[in-house]
Amino acid sequence: MLTPIELIRATVDAMAARGYGRVVNITSSSVKAPIDILGLSNGARSGLTGFVAGVARTHLARNVTLNNLLPGAFDTDRLRGTLDASARKLQQPLDEVAARRRAAIPAGRFGTADEFGAACAFLCSVHAGYITGQNLLIDGGAYPGTF
């Protein structure tokens, strides 16, 4: 939480002076649905989200936006490592553990790097100039809530 806040504080005024800037924080879907075993991480990510919500509106008139991406399960080395550790702990085949995790996602699969990159690129583009202080949840429909 502290490092992204300091980076934002160190750069946002210069972006505003130039008349253009984009900040996209990569946090986690746990901002919307905290994960019980990640207490400190949940708190830090929520703190960053609150900071962004406050700062984002102060620079929009000078074409600077600040938003957050909240990814769910994406096909990454970290996810593969977590699935592997779960499989070993449960003494079950990795493919079965991964299949259960995919089945819990309405999309029926993990997100791809290309999908994540496209969402981030959109928030960084001129097309997202009217979007600020938002949390874009990209989780294949896993979050069950409305808001």
Protein backbone atom coordinates (compact mmCIF):
# COMPACT_ATOMS: atom_id res chain seq x y z
CA MET A 1 0.00 0.00 0.00
CA LEU A 2 2.67 2.51 0.97
CA THR A 3 4.85 2.12 -2.13
CA PRO A 4 2.06 2.75 -4.67
CA ILE A 5 0.82 5.70 -2.61
CA GLU A 6 4.29 7.24 -2.59
CA LEU A 7 4.70 6.64 -6.33
CA ILE A 8 1.35 8.31 -7.00
CA ARG A 9 2.22 11.25 -4.78
CA ALA A 10 5.59 11.62 -6.52
CA THR A 11 4.18 11.60 -10.07
CA VAL A 12 0.58 12.76 -10.23
CA ASP A 13 1.26 16.50 -10.07
CA ALA A 14 3.72 16.28 -12.98
CA MET A 15 1.12 14.35 -14.98
CA ALA A 16 -1.42 17.06 -14.26
CA ALA A 17 1.06 19.76 -15.29
CA ARG A 18 1.53 17.97 -18.64
CA GLY A 19 -2.23 17.60 -19.04
CA TYR A 20 -2.31 13.83 -19.29
CA GLY A 21 -1.66 10.86 -17.07
CA ARG A 22 -2.89 7.43 -16.19
CA VAL A 23 -2.35 5.44 -13.00
CA VAL A 24 -3.59 1.86 -12.84
CA ASN A 25 -2.99 -0.08 -9.64
CA ILE A 26 -3.16 -3.83 -9.79
CA THR A 27 -4.77 -4.92 -6.56
CA SER A 28 -7.00 -7.97 -6.17
CA SER A 29 -10.58 -9.15 -6.25
CA SER A 30 -10.11 -9.46 -2.48
CA VAL A 31 -10.87 -5.72 -2.30
CA LYS A 32 -14.49 -6.66 -3.00
CA ALA A 33 -14.52 -10.07 -1.33
CA PRO A 34 -11.81 -10.39 1.33
CA ILE A 35 -9.96 -13.70 1.50
CA ASP A 36 -9.96 -15.06 5.05
CA ILE A 37 -6.29 -16.15 5.11
CA LEU A 38 -5.02 -12.83 3.68
CA GLY A 39 -5.98 -10.44 6.47
CA LEU A 40 -3.09 -7.98 6.17
CA SER A 41 -3.16 -8.07 2.38
CA ASN A 42 -6.92 -7.40 2.38
CA GLY A 43 -6.40 -4.37 4.60
CA ALA A 44 -3.51 -2.94 2.62
CA ARG A 45 -5.32 -3.32 -0.70
CA SER A 46 -8.44 -1.72 0.71
CA GLY A 47 -6.35 1.16 2.06
CA LEU A 48 -4.83 1.76 -1.38
CA THR A 49 -8.30 1.65 -2.91
CA GLY A 50 -9.51 4.32 -0.48
CA PHE A 51 -6.51 6.52 -1.17
CA VAL A 52 -7.06 6.29 -4.94
CA ALA A 53 -10.74 7.13 -4.55
CA GLY A 54 -9.82 10.32 -2.73
CA VAL A 55 -7.01 11.48 -5.00
CA ALA A 56 -8.57 10.48 -8.33
CA ARG A 57 -11.18 13.21 -8.40
CA THR A 58 -8.70 16.00 -7.69
CA HIS A 59 -6.81 15.59 -10.97
CA LEU A 60 -9.44 14.55 -13.51
CA ALA A 61 -10.01 18.09 -14.79
CA ARG A 62 -6.39 18.00 -16.00
CA ASN A 63 -6.86 14.66 -17.79
CA VAL A 64 -5.26 12.48 -15.15
CA THR A 65 -7.09 9.33 -14.09
CA LEU A 66 -6.38 6.87 -11.31
CA ASN A 67 -8.08 3.48 -11.28
CA ASN A 68 -7.61 -0.02 -9.91
CA LEU A 69 -7.72 -3.40 -11.61
CA LEU A 70 -9.05 -6.14 -9.35
CA PRO A 71 -8.06 -9.44 -10.94
CA GLY A 72 -9.46 -12.78 -9.94
CA ALA A 73 -7.85 -16.05 -11.02
CA PHE A 74 -5.53 -15.53 -13.98
CA ASP A 75 -3.30 -18.17 -15.51
CA THR A 76 -0.04 -17.03 -13.93
CA ASP A 77 2.99 -18.64 -12.35
CA ARG A 78 1.62 -17.63 -8.95
CA LEU A 79 -1.72 -19.36 -9.57
CA ARG A 80 0.02 -22.47 -10.86
CA GLY A 81 2.22 -22.52 -7.75
CA THR A 82 -0.78 -22.12 -5.47
CA LEU A 83 -2.65 -24.91 -7.24
CA ASP A 84 0.41 -27.15 -7.05
CA ALA A 85 0.80 -26.49 -3.32
CA SER A 86 -2.90 -27.23 -2.76
CA ALA A 87 -2.63 -30.46 -4.73
CA ARG A 88 0.34 -31.58 -2.65
CA LYS A 89 -1.35 -30.60 0.62
CA LEU A 90 -4.58 -32.38 -0.32
CA GLN A 91 -2.67 -35.28 -1.89
CA GLN A 92 -4.78 -34.96 -5.02
CA PRO A 93 -3.86 -34.71 -8.69
CA LEU A 94 -3.07 -31.17 -9.82
CA ASP A 95 -5.48 -31.36 -12.74
CA GLU A 96 -8.37 -32.19 -10.38
CA VAL A 97 -7.55 -29.30 -8.05
CA ALA A 98 -7.29 -26.93 -11.02
CA ALA A 99 -10.56 -28.23 -12.50
CA ARG A 100 -12.40 -27.54 -9.23
CA ARG A 101 -11.02 -24.01 -9.12
CA ARG A 102 -12.05 -23.38 -12.73
CA ALA A 103 -15.51 -24.80 -12.02
CA ALA A 104 -16.02 -22.15 -9.33
CA ILE A 105 -15.64 -19.42 -11.96
CA PRO A 106 -18.73 -18.77 -14.11
CA ALA A 107 -16.48 -18.34 -17.17
CA GLY A 108 -15.28 -21.91 -16.52
CA ARG A 109 -11.65 -20.94 -17.00
CA PHE A 110 -8.83 -18.75 -15.74
CA GLY A 111 -8.19 -15.33 -17.23
CA THR A 112 -5.40 -14.83 -19.74
CA ALA A 113 -2.54 -12.36 -19.80
CA ASP A 114 -3.96 -10.89 -23.02
CA GLU A 115 -7.31 -10.20 -21.35
CA PHE A 116 -5.62 -8.56 -18.41
CA GLY A 117 -3.40 -6.49 -20.66
CA ALA A 118 -6.34 -5.33 -22.75
CA ALA A 119 -8.23 -4.16 -19.66
CA CYS A 120 -5.17 -2.27 -18.43
CA ALA A 121 -4.50 -0.78 -21.87
CA PHE A 122 -8.09 0.46 -22.03
CA LEU A 123 -7.78 2.23 -18.67
CA CYS A 124 -4.54 3.83 -19.89
CA SER A 125 -6.04 4.98 -23.18
CA VAL A 126 -7.69 8.23 -24.19
CA HIS A 127 -10.94 6.25 -24.37
CA ALA A 128 -11.02 5.98 -20.57
CA GLY A 129 -10.64 9.70 -19.89
CA TYR A 130 -14.02 9.87 -18.18
CA ILE A 131 -13.30 6.96 -15.83
CA THR A 132 -11.51 7.67 -12.58
CA GLY A 133 -11.48 6.39 -9.01
CA GLN A 134 -12.97 3.10 -10.15
CA ASN A 135 -12.27 -0.54 -9.40
CA LEU A 136 -12.52 -2.76 -12.46
CA LEU A 137 -13.19 -6.30 -11.32
CA ILE A 138 -11.94 -8.81 -13.89
CA ASP A 139 -12.69 -12.22 -12.48
CA GLY A 140 -14.73 -14.18 -15.00
CA GLY A 141 -17.90 -13.52 -13.02
CA ALA A 142 -16.64 -15.11 -9.79
CA TYR A 143 -17.74 -12.24 -7.54
CA PRO A 144 -21.37 -13.01 -6.64
CA GLY A 145 -22.46 -9.49 -5.64
CA THR A 146 -24.13 -6.64 -7.45
CA PHE A 147 -21.84 -3.84 -6.27
